[in-house]
PDB file of N, CA and C in Angstrom:
ATOM      1  N   UNK A   1      21.873 -19.150  -7.654  1.00  0.00           N
ATOM      2  CA  UNK A   1      21.214 -18.174  -8.490  1.00  0.00           C
ATOM      3  C   UNK A   1      19.715 -18.278  -8.245  1.00  0.00           C
ATOM      4  N   UNK A   2      19.068 -17.124  -8.223  1.00  0.00           N
ATOM      5  CA  UNK A   2      17.636 -17.053  -7.958  1.00  0.00           C
ATOM      6  C   UNK A   2      16.913 -16.551  -9.204  1.00  0.00           C
ATOM      7  N   UNK A   3      15.846 -17.246  -9.592  1.00  0.00           N
ATOM      8  CA  UNK A   3      15.021 -16.850 -10.726  1.00  0.00           C
ATOM      9  C   UNK A   3      13.632 -16.523 -10.194  1.00  0.00           C
ATOM     10  N   UNK A   4      13.138 -15.340 -10.546  1.00  0.00           N
ATOM     11  CA  UNK A   4      11.822 -14.886 -10.122  1.00  0.00           C
ATOM     12  C   UNK A   4      10.923 -14.794 -11.335  1.00  0.00           C
ATOM     13  N   UNK A   5       9.689 -15.262 -11.195  1.00  0.00           N
ATOM     14  CA  UNK A   5       8.760 -15.173 -12.303  1.00  0.00           C
ATOM     15  C   UNK A   5       7.460 -15.873 -12.004  1.00  0.00           C
ATOM     16  N   UNK A   6       6.761 -16.242 -13.065  1.00  0.00           N
ATOM     17  CA  UNK A   6       5.502 -16.955 -12.998  1.00  0.00           C
ATOM     18  C   UNK A   6       5.643 -18.174 -13.895  1.00  0.00           C
ATOM     19  N   UNK A   7       5.372 -19.350 -13.365  1.00  0.00           N
ATOM     20  CA  UNK A   7       5.635 -20.608 -14.075  1.00  0.00           C
ATOM     21  C   UNK A   7       4.980 -20.700 -15.450  1.00  0.00           C
ATOM     22  N   UNK A   8       3.768 -20.145 -15.609  1.00  0.00           N
ATOM     23  CA  UNK A   8       3.089 -20.312 -16.894  1.00  0.00           C
ATOM     24  C   UNK A   8       3.402 -19.205 -17.898  1.00  0.00           C
ATOM     25  N   UNK A   9       4.339 -18.315 -17.565  1.00  0.00           N
ATOM     26  CA  UNK A   9       4.761 -17.253 -18.481  1.00  0.00           C
ATOM     27  C   UNK A   9       5.681 -17.859 -19.547  1.00  0.00           C
ATOM     28  N   UNK A  10       5.389 -17.594 -20.812  1.00  0.00           N
ATOM     29  CA  UNK A  10       6.191 -18.169 -21.904  1.00  0.00           C
ATOM     30  C   UNK A  10       7.652 -17.733 -21.846  1.00  0.00           C
ATOM     31  N   UNK A  11       7.898 -16.482 -21.491  1.00  0.00           N
ATOM     32  CA  UNK A  11       9.276 -15.998 -21.409  1.00  0.00           C
ATOM     33  C   UNK A  11      10.018 -16.700 -20.279  1.00  0.00           C
ATOM     34  N   UNK A  12       9.348 -16.899 -19.161  1.00  0.00           N
ATOM     35  CA  UNK A  12       9.959 -17.627 -18.039  1.00  0.00           C
ATOM     36  C   UNK A  12      10.244 -19.067 -18.467  1.00  0.00           C
ATOM     37  N   UNK A  13       9.311 -19.683 -19.173  1.00  0.00           N
ATOM     38  CA  UNK A  13       9.523 -21.060 -19.646  1.00  0.00           C
ATOM     39  C   UNK A  13      10.763 -21.155 -20.533  1.00  0.00           C
ATOM     40  N   UNK A  14      10.927 -20.188 -21.451  1.00  0.00           N
ATOM     41  CA  UNK A  14      12.113 -20.179 -22.318  1.00  0.00           C
ATOM     42  C   UNK A  14      13.384 -20.062 -21.491  1.00  0.00           C
ATOM     43  N   UNK A  15      13.365 -19.168 -20.504  1.00  0.00           N
ATOM     44  CA  UNK A  15      14.545 -18.964 -19.666  1.00  0.00           C
ATOM     45  C   UNK A  15      14.877 -20.225 -18.872  1.00  0.00           C
ATOM     46  N   UNK A  16      13.862 -20.849 -18.287  1.00  0.00           N
ATOM     47  CA  UNK A  16      14.098 -22.057 -17.490  1.00  0.00           C
ATOM     48  C   UNK A  16      14.591 -23.208 -18.369  1.00  0.00           C
ATOM     49  N   UNK A  17      14.055 -23.310 -19.579  1.00  0.00           N
ATOM     50  CA  UNK A  17      14.528 -24.342 -20.510  1.00  0.00           C
ATOM     51  C   UNK A  17      15.989 -24.106 -20.872  1.00  0.00           C
ATOM     52  N   UNK A  18      16.363 -22.847 -21.099  1.00  0.00           N
ATOM     53  CA  UNK A  18      17.744 -22.527 -21.430  1.00  0.00           C
ATOM     54  C   UNK A  18      18.664 -22.873 -20.264  1.00  0.00           C
ATOM     55  N   UNK A  19      18.262 -22.495 -19.048  1.00  0.00           N
ATOM     56  CA  UNK A  19      19.085 -22.798 -17.868  1.00  0.00           C
ATOM     57  C   UNK A  19      19.260 -24.307 -17.704  1.00  0.00           C
ATOM     58  N   UNK A  20      18.176 -25.066 -17.895  1.00  0.00           N
ATOM     59  CA  UNK A  20      18.255 -26.532 -17.775  1.00  0.00           C
ATOM     60  C   UNK A  20      19.177 -27.103 -18.832  1.00  0.00           C
ATOM     61  N   UNK A  21      19.036 -26.625 -20.076  1.00  0.00           N
ATOM     62  CA  UNK A  21      19.875 -27.111 -21.186  1.00  0.00           C
ATOM     63  C   UNK A  21      21.355 -26.857 -20.907  1.00  0.00           C
ATOM     64  N   UNK A  22      21.644 -25.719 -20.280  1.00  0.00           N
ATOM     65  CA  UNK A  22      23.030 -25.352 -19.979  1.00  0.00           C
ATOM     66  C   UNK A  22      23.526 -25.949 -18.665  1.00  0.00           C
ATOM     67  N   UNK A  23      22.649 -26.641 -17.935  1.00  0.00           N
ATOM     68  CA  UNK A  23      23.045 -27.263 -16.667  1.00  0.00           C
ATOM     69  C   UNK A  23      23.305 -26.260 -15.556  1.00  0.00           C
ATOM     70  N   UNK A  24      22.608 -25.145 -15.589  1.00  0.00           N
ATOM     71  CA  UNK A  24      22.806 -24.094 -14.580  1.00  0.00           C
ATOM     72  C   UNK A  24      21.757 -24.255 -13.489  1.00  0.00           C
ATOM     73  N   UNK A  25      22.216 -24.414 -12.259  1.00  0.00           N
ATOM     74  CA  UNK A  25      21.320 -24.583 -11.119  1.00  0.00           C
ATOM     75  C   UNK A  25      20.722 -23.245 -10.705  1.00  0.00           C
ATOM     76  N   UNK A  26      19.475 -23.294 -10.276  1.00  0.00           N
ATOM     77  CA  UNK A  26      18.793 -22.088  -9.821  1.00  0.00           C
ATOM     78  C   UNK A  26      17.702 -22.483  -8.831  1.00  0.00           C
ATOM     79  N   UNK A  27      17.239 -21.503  -8.097  1.00  0.00           N
ATOM     80  CA  UNK A  27      16.073 -21.647  -7.242  1.00  0.00           C
ATOM     81  C   UNK A  27      14.992 -20.751  -7.827  1.00  0.00           C
ATOM     82  N   UNK A  28      13.768 -21.270  -7.922  1.00  0.00           N
ATOM     83  CA  UNK A  28      12.681 -20.511  -8.539  1.00  0.00           C
ATOM     84  C   UNK A  28      11.772 -19.922  -7.465  1.00  0.00           C
ATOM     85  N   UNK A  29      11.434 -18.649  -7.645  1.00  0.00           N
ATOM     86  CA  UNK A  29      10.507 -17.936  -6.763  1.00  0.00           C
ATOM     87  C   UNK A  29       9.307 -17.530  -7.608  1.00  0.00           C
ATOM     88  N   UNK A  30       8.132 -18.077  -7.294  1.00  0.00           N
ATOM     89  CA  UNK A  30       6.915 -17.811  -8.061  1.00  0.00           C
ATOM     90  C   UNK A  30       6.199 -16.589  -7.486  1.00  0.00           C
ATOM     91  N   UNK A  31       6.162 -15.519  -8.276  1.00  0.00           N
ATOM     92  CA  UNK A  31       5.495 -14.287  -7.843  1.00  0.00           C
ATOM     93  C   UNK A  31       4.045 -14.534  -7.444  1.00  0.00           C
ATOM     94  N   UNK A  32       3.353 -15.373  -8.207  1.00  0.00           N
ATOM     95  CA  UNK A  32       1.925 -15.613  -7.948  1.00  0.00           C
ATOM     96  C   UNK A  32       1.711 -16.260  -6.588  1.00  0.00           C
ATOM     97  N   UNK A  33       2.585 -17.174  -6.215  1.00  0.00           N
ATOM     98  CA  UNK A  33       2.418 -17.909  -4.959  1.00  0.00           C
ATOM     99  C   UNK A  33       3.091 -17.210  -3.782  1.00  0.00           C
ATOM    100  N   UNK A  34       4.236 -16.566  -4.038  1.00  0.00           N
ATOM    101  CA  UNK A  34       5.046 -16.041  -2.940  1.00  0.00           C
ATOM    102  C   UNK A  34       5.113 -14.516  -2.874  1.00  0.00           C
ATOM    103  N   UNK A  35       4.593 -13.830  -3.898  1.00  0.00           N
ATOM    104  CA  UNK A  35       4.651 -12.368  -3.902  1.00  0.00           C
ATOM    105  C   UNK A  35       6.080 -11.870  -4.033  1.00  0.00           C
ATOM    106  N   UNK A  36       6.262 -10.585  -3.740  1.00  0.00           N
ATOM    107  CA  UNK A  36       7.591  -9.979  -3.785  1.00  0.00           C
ATOM    108  C   UNK A  36       7.651  -8.902  -2.707  1.00  0.00           C
ATOM    109  N   UNK A  37       8.738  -8.865  -1.990  1.00  0.00           N
ATOM    110  CA  UNK A  37       8.864  -7.896  -0.898  1.00  0.00           C
ATOM    111  C   UNK A  37       9.314  -6.536  -1.425  1.00  0.00           C
ATOM    112  N   UNK A  38       8.985  -5.512  -0.673  1.00  0.00           N
ATOM    113  CA  UNK A  38       9.428  -4.161  -1.007  1.00  0.00           C
ATOM    114  C   UNK A  38      10.955  -4.094  -0.985  1.00  0.00           C
ATOM    115  N   UNK A  39      11.570  -4.786  -0.042  1.00  0.00           N
ATOM    116  CA  UNK A  39      13.029  -4.801   0.049  1.00  0.00           C
ATOM    117  C   UNK A  39      13.654  -5.397  -1.214  1.00  0.00           C
ATOM    118  N   UNK A  40      13.038  -6.457  -1.733  1.00  0.00           N
ATOM    119  CA  UNK A  40      13.549  -7.097  -2.953  1.00  0.00           C
ATOM    120  C   UNK A  40      13.418  -6.135  -4.135  1.00  0.00           C
ATOM    121  N   UNK A  41      12.267  -5.479  -4.267  1.00  0.00           N
ATOM    122  CA  UNK A  41      12.080  -4.523  -5.360  1.00  0.00           C
ATOM    123  C   UNK A  41      13.116  -3.407  -5.279  1.00  0.00           C
ATOM    124  N   UNK A  42      13.339  -2.889  -4.084  1.00  0.00           N
ATOM    125  CA  UNK A  42      14.314  -1.804  -3.913  1.00  0.00           C
ATOM    126  C   UNK A  42      15.729  -2.281  -4.242  1.00  0.00           C
ATOM    127  N   UNK A  43      16.036  -3.519  -3.902  1.00  0.00           N
ATOM    128  CA  UNK A  43      17.347  -4.082  -4.229  1.00  0.00           C
ATOM    129  C   UNK A  43      17.546  -4.133  -5.739  1.00  0.00           C
ATOM    130  N   UNK A  44      16.528  -4.603  -6.471  1.00  0.00           N
ATOM    131  CA  UNK A  44      16.620  -4.649  -7.926  1.00  0.00           C
ATOM    132  C   UNK A  44      16.724  -3.252  -8.502  1.00  0.00           C
ATOM    133  N   UNK A  45      15.922  -2.341  -7.957  1.00  0.00           N
ATOM    134  CA  UNK A  45      15.914  -0.963  -8.460  1.00  0.00           C
ATOM    135  C   UNK A  45      17.259  -0.282  -8.271  1.00  0.00           C
ATOM    136  N   UNK A  46      17.976  -0.655  -7.236  1.00  0.00           N
ATOM    137  CA  UNK A  46      19.295  -0.055  -7.019  1.00  0.00           C
ATOM    138  C   UNK A  46      20.259  -0.464  -8.130  1.00  0.00           C
ATOM    139  N   UNK A  47      19.953  -1.553  -8.823  1.00  0.00           N
ATOM    140  CA  UNK A  47      20.815  -2.039  -9.896  1.00  0.00           C
ATOM    141  C   UNK A  47      20.327  -1.660 -11.291  1.00  0.00           C
ATOM    142  N   UNK A  48      19.002  -1.676 -11.495  1.00  0.00           N
ATOM    143  CA  UNK A  48      18.483  -1.442 -12.855  1.00  0.00           C
ATOM    144  C   UNK A  48      17.492  -0.286 -12.946  1.00  0.00           C
ATOM    145  N   UNK A  49      17.112   0.310 -11.823  1.00  0.00           N
ATOM    146  CA  UNK A  49      16.080   1.344 -11.828  1.00  0.00           C
ATOM    147  C   UNK A  49      14.696   0.715 -11.780  1.00  0.00           C
ATOM    148  N   UNK A  50      13.678   1.521 -11.505  1.00  0.00           N
ATOM    149  CA  UNK A  50      12.322   0.966 -11.401  1.00  0.00           C
ATOM    150  C   UNK A  50      11.645   0.803 -12.760  1.00  0.00           C
ATOM    151  N   UNK A  51      11.969   1.666 -13.711  1.00  0.00           N
ATOM    152  CA  UNK A  51      11.273   1.641 -14.993  1.00  0.00           C
ATOM    153  C   UNK A  51      11.387   0.307 -15.728  1.00  0.00           C
ATOM    154  N   UNK A  52      12.581  -0.297 -15.828  1.00  0.00           N
ATOM    155  CA  UNK A  52      12.681  -1.569 -16.543  1.00  0.00           C
ATOM    156  C   UNK A  52      11.913  -2.715 -15.880  1.00  0.00           C
ATOM    157  N   UNK A  53      11.640  -2.591 -14.585  1.00  0.00           N
ATOM    158  CA  UNK A  53      10.926  -3.660 -13.890  1.00  0.00           C
ATOM    159  C   UNK A  53       9.440  -3.698 -14.217  1.00  0.00           C
ATOM    160  N   UNK A  54       8.890  -2.563 -14.640  1.00  0.00           N
ATOM    161  CA  UNK A  54       7.460  -2.496 -14.963  1.00  0.00           C
ATOM    162  C   UNK A  54       7.282  -2.859 -16.436  1.00  0.00           C
ATOM    163  N   UNK A  55       6.617  -3.981 -16.681  1.00  0.00           N
ATOM    164  CA  UNK A  55       6.414  -4.458 -18.047  1.00  0.00           C
ATOM    165  C   UNK A  55       5.206  -3.745 -18.649  1.00  0.00           C
ATOM    166  N   UNK A  56       5.478  -2.686 -19.388  1.00  0.00           N
ATOM    167  CA  UNK A  56       4.396  -1.888 -19.974  1.00  0.00           C
ATOM    168  C   UNK A  56       3.879  -2.475 -21.285  1.00  0.00           C
ATOM    169  N   UNK A  57       4.463  -3.585 -21.717  1.00  0.00           N
ATOM    170  CA  UNK A  57       3.978  -4.234 -22.938  1.00  0.00           C
ATOM    171  C   UNK A  57       3.076  -5.427 -22.632  1.00  0.00           C
ATOM    172  N   UNK A  58       3.011  -5.802 -21.369  1.00  0.00           N
ATOM    173  CA  UNK A  58       2.268  -7.001 -20.991  1.00  0.00           C
ATOM    174  C   UNK A  58       0.779  -6.780 -20.818  1.00  0.00           C
ATOM    175  N   UNK A  59       0.067  -7.886 -20.733  1.00  0.00           N
ATOM    176  CA  UNK A  59      -1.385  -7.868 -20.581  1.00  0.00           C
ATOM    177  C   UNK A  59      -1.813  -7.161 -19.305  1.00  0.00           C
ATOM    178  N   UNK A  60      -1.120  -7.401 -18.209  1.00  0.00           N
ATOM    179  CA  UNK A  60      -1.514  -6.797 -16.938  1.00  0.00           C
ATOM    180  C   UNK A  60      -1.477  -5.279 -17.022  1.00  0.00           C
ATOM    181  N   UNK A  61      -0.422  -4.724 -17.612  1.00  0.00           N
ATOM    182  CA  UNK A  61      -0.327  -3.271 -17.765  1.00  0.00           C
ATOM    183  C   UNK A  61      -1.461  -2.751 -18.659  1.00  0.00           C
ATOM    184  N   UNK A  62      -1.695  -3.435 -19.760  1.00  0.00           N
ATOM    185  CA  UNK A  62      -2.733  -2.984 -20.702  1.00  0.00           C
ATOM    186  C   UNK A  62      -4.130  -3.049 -20.092  1.00  0.00           C
ATOM    187  N   UNK A  63      -4.320  -3.919 -19.106  1.00  0.00           N
ATOM    188  CA  UNK A  63      -5.628  -4.035 -18.457  1.00  0.00           C
ATOM    189  C   UNK A  63      -5.852  -2.958 -17.395  1.00  0.00           C
ATOM    190  N   UNK A  64      -4.805  -2.233 -17.024  1.00  0.00           N
ATOM    191  CA  UNK A  64      -4.972  -1.140 -16.068  1.00  0.00           C
ATOM    192  C   UNK A  64      -5.717   0.011 -16.740  1.00  0.00           C
ATOM    193  N   UNK A  65      -6.446   0.749 -15.947  1.00  0.00           N
ATOM    194  CA  UNK A  65      -7.118   1.932 -16.492  1.00  0.00           C
ATOM    195  C   UNK A  65      -6.059   2.984 -16.824  1.00  0.00           C
ATOM    196  N   UNK A  66      -6.387   3.906 -17.722  1.00  0.00           N
ATOM    197  CA  UNK A  66      -5.435   4.980 -18.015  1.00  0.00           C
ATOM    198  C   UNK A  66      -5.014   5.749 -16.759  1.00  0.00           C
ATOM    199  N   UNK A  67      -5.932   5.922 -15.824  1.00  0.00           N
ATOM    200  CA  UNK A  67      -5.610   6.613 -14.572  1.00  0.00           C
ATOM    201  C   UNK A  67      -4.573   5.824 -13.762  1.00  0.00           C
ATOM    202  N   UNK A  68      -4.758   4.500 -13.706  1.00  0.00           N
ATOM    203  CA  UNK A  68      -3.802   3.657 -12.974  1.00  0.00           C
ATOM    204  C   UNK A  68      -2.430   3.703 -13.640  1.00  0.00           C
ATOM    205  N   UNK A  69      -2.402   3.688 -14.947  1.00  0.00           N
ATOM    206  CA  UNK A  69      -1.128   3.759 -15.664  1.00  0.00           C
ATOM    207  C   UNK A  69      -0.434   5.092 -15.416  1.00  0.00           C
ATOM    208  N   UNK A  70      -1.185   6.176 -15.502  1.00  0.00           N
ATOM    209  CA  UNK A  70      -0.603   7.511 -15.285  1.00  0.00           C
ATOM    210  C   UNK A  70      -0.121   7.704 -13.848  1.00  0.00           C
ATOM    211  N   UNK A  71      -0.660   6.933 -12.917  1.00  0.00           N
ATOM    212  CA  UNK A  71      -0.276   7.073 -11.502  1.00  0.00           C
ATOM    213  C   UNK A  71       1.105   6.486 -11.223  1.00  0.00           C
ATOM    214  N   UNK A  72       1.643   5.699 -12.146  1.00  0.00           N
ATOM    215  CA  UNK A  72       2.971   5.098 -11.961  1.00  0.00           C
ATOM    216  C   UNK A  72       4.003   6.103 -12.465  1.00  0.00           C
ATOM    217  N   UNK A  73       4.523   6.893 -11.536  1.00  0.00           N
ATOM    218  CA  UNK A  73       5.409   8.001 -11.909  1.00  0.00           C
ATOM    219  C   UNK A  73       6.774   7.948 -11.240  1.00  0.00           C
ATOM    220  N   UNK A  74       6.937   7.071 -10.251  1.00  0.00           N
ATOM    221  CA  UNK A  74       8.205   6.988  -9.533  1.00  0.00           C
ATOM    222  C   UNK A  74       8.326   5.608  -8.892  1.00  0.00           C
ATOM    223  N   UNK A  75       9.426   5.377  -8.203  1.00  0.00           N
ATOM    224  CA  UNK A  75       9.676   4.064  -7.603  1.00  0.00           C
ATOM    225  C   UNK A  75       8.585   3.686  -6.606  1.00  0.00           C
ATOM    226  N   UNK A  76       8.143   4.640  -5.792  1.00  0.00           N
ATOM    227  CA  UNK A  76       7.129   4.317  -4.785  1.00  0.00           C
ATOM    228  C   UNK A  76       5.823   3.850  -5.426  1.00  0.00           C
ATOM    229  N   UNK A  77       5.347   4.589  -6.421  1.00  0.00           N
ATOM    230  CA  UNK A  77       4.090   4.195  -7.073  1.00  0.00           C
ATOM    231  C   UNK A  77       4.273   2.894  -7.864  1.00  0.00           C
ATOM    232  N   UNK A  78       5.423   2.707  -8.481  1.00  0.00           N
ATOM    233  CA  UNK A  78       5.692   1.462  -9.207  1.00  0.00           C
ATOM    234  C   UNK A  78       5.741   0.281  -8.237  1.00  0.00           C
ATOM    235  N   UNK A  79       6.383   0.462  -7.097  1.00  0.00           N
ATOM    236  CA  UNK A  79       6.475  -0.618  -6.114  1.00  0.00           C
ATOM    237  C   UNK A  79       5.104  -1.018  -5.589  1.00  0.00           C
ATOM    238  N   UNK A  80       4.242  -0.037  -5.350  1.00  0.00           N
ATOM    239  CA  UNK A  80       2.880  -0.353  -4.901  1.00  0.00           C
ATOM    240  C   UNK A  80       2.171  -1.208  -5.939  1.00  0.00           C
ATOM    241  N   UNK A  81       2.279  -0.824  -7.201  1.00  0.00           N
ATOM    242  CA  UNK A  81       1.648  -1.582  -8.275  1.00  0.00           C
ATOM    243  C   UNK A  81       2.252  -2.982  -8.378  1.00  0.00           C
ATOM    244  N   UNK A  82       3.586  -3.082  -8.364  1.00  0.00           N
ATOM    245  CA  UNK A  82       4.238  -4.384  -8.529  1.00  0.00           C
ATOM    246  C   UNK A  82       3.922  -5.335  -7.379  1.00  0.00           C
ATOM    247  N   UNK A  83       3.724  -4.795  -6.184  1.00  0.00           N
ATOM    248  CA  UNK A  83       3.354  -5.666  -5.066  1.00  0.00           C
ATOM    249  C   UNK A  83       1.888  -6.082  -5.158  1.00  0.00           C
ATOM    250  N   UNK A  84       1.033  -5.192  -5.646  1.00  0.00           N
ATOM    251  CA  UNK A  84      -0.392  -5.504  -5.763  1.00  0.00           C
ATOM    252  C   UNK A  84      -0.670  -6.425  -6.950  1.00  0.00           C
ATOM    253  N   UNK A  85       0.063  -6.226  -8.041  1.00  0.00           N
ATOM    254  CA  UNK A  85      -0.139  -7.000  -9.275  1.00  0.00           C
ATOM    255  C   UNK A  85       1.227  -7.488  -9.754  1.00  0.00           C
ATOM    256  N   UNK A  86       1.684  -8.583  -9.160  1.00  0.00           N
ATOM    257  CA  UNK A  86       3.036  -9.067  -9.452  1.00  0.00           C
ATOM    258  C   UNK A  86       3.239  -9.438 -10.917  1.00  0.00           C
ATOM    259  N   UNK A  87       2.160  -9.712 -11.631  1.00  0.00           N
ATOM    260  CA  UNK A  87       2.329 -10.079 -13.040  1.00  0.00           C
ATOM    261  C   UNK A  87       2.678  -8.881 -13.921  1.00  0.00           C
ATOM    262  N   UNK A  88       2.738  -7.676 -13.346  1.00  0.00           N
ATOM    263  CA  UNK A  88       3.182  -6.509 -14.110  1.00  0.00           C
ATOM    264  C   UNK A  88       4.715  -6.398 -14.108  1.00  0.00           C
ATOM    265  N   UNK A  89       5.379  -7.225 -13.313  1.00  0.00           N
ATOM    266  CA  UNK A  89       6.842  -7.206 -13.248  1.00  0.00           C
ATOM    267  C   UNK A  89       7.402  -7.923 -14.474  1.00  0.00           C
ATOM    268  N   UNK A  90       8.384  -7.304 -15.123  1.00  0.00           N
ATOM    269  CA  UNK A  90       9.045  -7.937 -16.273  1.00  0.00           C
ATOM    270  C   UNK A  90       9.643  -9.257 -15.807  1.00  0.00           C
ATOM    271  N   UNK A  91       9.441 -10.297 -16.616  1.00  0.00           N
ATOM    272  CA  UNK A  91       9.865 -11.628 -16.205  1.00  0.00           C
ATOM    273  C   UNK A  91      10.731 -12.286 -17.262  1.00  0.00           C
ATOM    274  N   UNK A  92      11.577 -13.196 -16.797  1.00  0.00           N
ATOM    275  CA  UNK A  92      11.956 -13.417 -15.409  1.00  0.00           C
ATOM    276  C   UNK A  92      12.937 -12.347 -14.924  1.00  0.00           C
ATOM    277  N   UNK A  93      13.071 -12.291 -13.617  1.00  0.00           N
ATOM    278  CA  UNK A  93      14.137 -11.510 -12.990  1.00  0.00           C
ATOM    279  C   UNK A  93      15.125 -12.543 -12.474  1.00  0.00           C
ATOM    280  N   UNK A  94      16.368 -12.430 -12.899  1.00  0.00           N
ATOM    281  CA  UNK A  94      17.392 -13.380 -12.454  1.00  0.00           C
ATOM    282  C   UNK A  94      18.453 -12.629 -11.679  1.00  0.00           C
ATOM    283  N   UNK A  95      18.680 -13.095 -10.458  1.00  0.00           N
ATOM    284  CA  UNK A  95      19.769 -12.559  -9.640  1.00  0.00           C
ATOM    285  C   UNK A  95      20.970 -13.464  -9.857  1.00  0.00           C
ATOM    286  N   UNK A  96      21.985 -12.932 -10.505  1.00  0.00           N
ATOM    287  CA  UNK A  96      23.182 -13.714 -10.793  1.00  0.00           C
ATOM    288  C   UNK A  96      24.392 -13.031 -10.165  1.00  0.00           C
ATOM    289  N   UNK A  97      25.507 -13.733 -10.090  1.00  0.00           N
ATOM    290  CA  UNK A  97      26.728 -13.105  -9.569  1.00  0.00           C
ATOM    291  C   UNK A  97      27.152 -11.874 -10.373  1.00  0.00           C
ATOM    292  N   UNK A  98      26.722 -11.787 -11.631  1.00  0.00           N
ATOM    293  CA  UNK A  98      27.087 -10.645 -12.478  1.00  0.00           C
ATOM    294  C   UNK A  98      25.984  -9.599 -12.545  1.00  0.00           C
ATOM    295  N   UNK A  99      25.009  -9.680 -11.624  1.00  0.00           N
ATOM    296  CA  UNK A  99      23.949  -8.678 -11.585  1.00  0.00           C
ATOM    297  C   UNK A  99      22.594  -9.219 -11.976  1.00  0.00           C
ATOM    298  N   UNK A 100      21.661  -8.289 -12.130  1.00  0.00           N
ATOM    299  CA  UNK A 100      20.265  -8.607 -12.438  1.00  0.00           C
ATOM    300  C   UNK A 100      20.068  -8.728 -13.953  1.00  0.00           C
ATOM    301  N   UNK A 101      19.354  -9.760 -14.357  1.00  0.00           N
ATOM    302  CA  UNK A 101      18.953  -9.910 -15.754  1.00  0.00           C
ATOM    303  C   UNK A 101      17.433  -9.874 -15.797  1.00  0.00           C
ATOM    304  N   UNK A 102      16.887  -9.149 -16.771  1.00  0.00           N
ATOM    305  CA  UNK A 102      15.433  -9.043 -16.943  1.00  0.00           C
ATOM    306  C   UNK A 102      15.031  -9.621 -18.286  1.00  0.00           C
ATOM    307  N   UNK A 103      13.974 -10.425 -18.275  1.00  0.00           N
ATOM    308  CA  UNK A 103      13.489 -11.010 -19.515  1.00  0.00           C
ATOM    309  C   UNK A 103      14.396 -12.141 -19.976  1.00  0.00           C
ATOM    310  N   UNK A 104      14.216 -12.556 -21.218  1.00  0.00           N
ATOM    311  CA  UNK A 104      15.044 -13.625 -21.772  1.00  0.00           C
ATOM    312  C   UNK A 104      15.759 -13.127 -23.012  1.00  0.00           C
ATOM    313  N   UNK A 105      17.078 -13.125 -22.936  1.00  0.00           N
ATOM    314  CA  UNK A 105      17.931 -12.779 -24.069  1.00  0.00           C
ATOM    315  C   UNK A 105      19.064 -13.797 -24.066  1.00  0.00           C
ATOM    316  N   UNK A 106      19.043 -14.718 -25.012  1.00  0.00           N
ATOM    317  CA  UNK A 106      20.013 -15.817 -25.026  1.00  0.00           C
ATOM    318  C   UNK A 106      21.450 -15.310 -25.052  1.00  0.00           C
ATOM    319  N   UNK A 107      21.726 -14.264 -25.821  1.00  0.00           N
ATOM    320  CA  UNK A 107      23.085 -13.735 -25.875  1.00  0.00           C
ATOM    321  C   UNK A 107      23.528 -13.189 -24.520  1.00  0.00           C
ATOM    322  N   UNK A 108      22.640 -12.448 -23.861  1.00  0.00           N
ATOM    323  CA  UNK A 108      22.971 -11.911 -22.534  1.00  0.00           C
ATOM    324  C   UNK A 108      23.158 -13.040 -21.532  1.00  0.00           C
ATOM    325  N   UNK A 109      22.305 -14.038 -21.597  1.00  0.00           N
ATOM    326  CA  UNK A 109      22.437 -15.191 -20.689  1.00  0.00           C
ATOM    327  C   UNK A 109      23.778 -15.877 -20.915  1.00  0.00           C
ATOM    328  N   UNK A 110      24.144 -16.090 -22.179  1.00  0.00           N
ATOM    329  CA  UNK A 110      25.404 -16.757 -22.491  1.00  0.00           C
ATOM    330  C   UNK A 110      26.580 -15.952 -21.935  1.00  0.00           C
ATOM    331  N   UNK A 111      26.523 -14.638 -22.081  1.00  0.00           N
ATOM    332  CA  UNK A 111      27.608 -13.783 -21.600  1.00  0.00           C
ATOM    333  C   UNK A 111      27.688 -13.733 -20.076  1.00  0.00           C
ATOM    334  N   UNK A 112      26.548 -13.636 -19.419  1.00  0.00           N
ATOM    335  CA  UNK A 112      26.538 -13.383 -17.980  1.00  0.00           C
ATOM    336  C   UNK A 112      26.327 -14.601 -17.086  1.00  0.00           C
ATOM    337  N   UNK A 113      25.880 -15.705 -17.669  1.00  0.00           N
ATOM    338  CA  UNK A 113      25.550 -16.852 -16.822  1.00  0.00           C
ATOM    339  C   UNK A 113      26.432 -18.065 -17.051  1.00  0.00           C
ATOM    340  N   UNK A 114      27.217 -18.065 -18.135  1.00  0.00           N
ATOM    341  CA  UNK A 114      28.053 -19.251 -18.408  1.00  0.00           C
ATOM    342  C   UNK A 114      29.471 -19.002 -17.946  1.00  0.00           C
TER     343      UNK A 114
END
């Protein structure tokens, strides 16, 4: 299982703590250090769409100018933003055998990861 995120993100920390507590093995991919490929974004989008991947409640989104926010209108524009500013991606992204999970939801994790 692959977990994508940023180590100092509180939501990622909660998810990693839950995985450790449950004894679930994973490999961590740090967006800040390793970035994210266009192919990976498109793979996720084929499963969940591009809109859920853009965290519009986070600090990075709020720091964008209104023009930059309005420019995110489709997968191509969202992908450009997510590659340029990886911290705008909803975190964590977990690739599991049962599909993609976004964010941390203990009930969803229990259902899909145990």
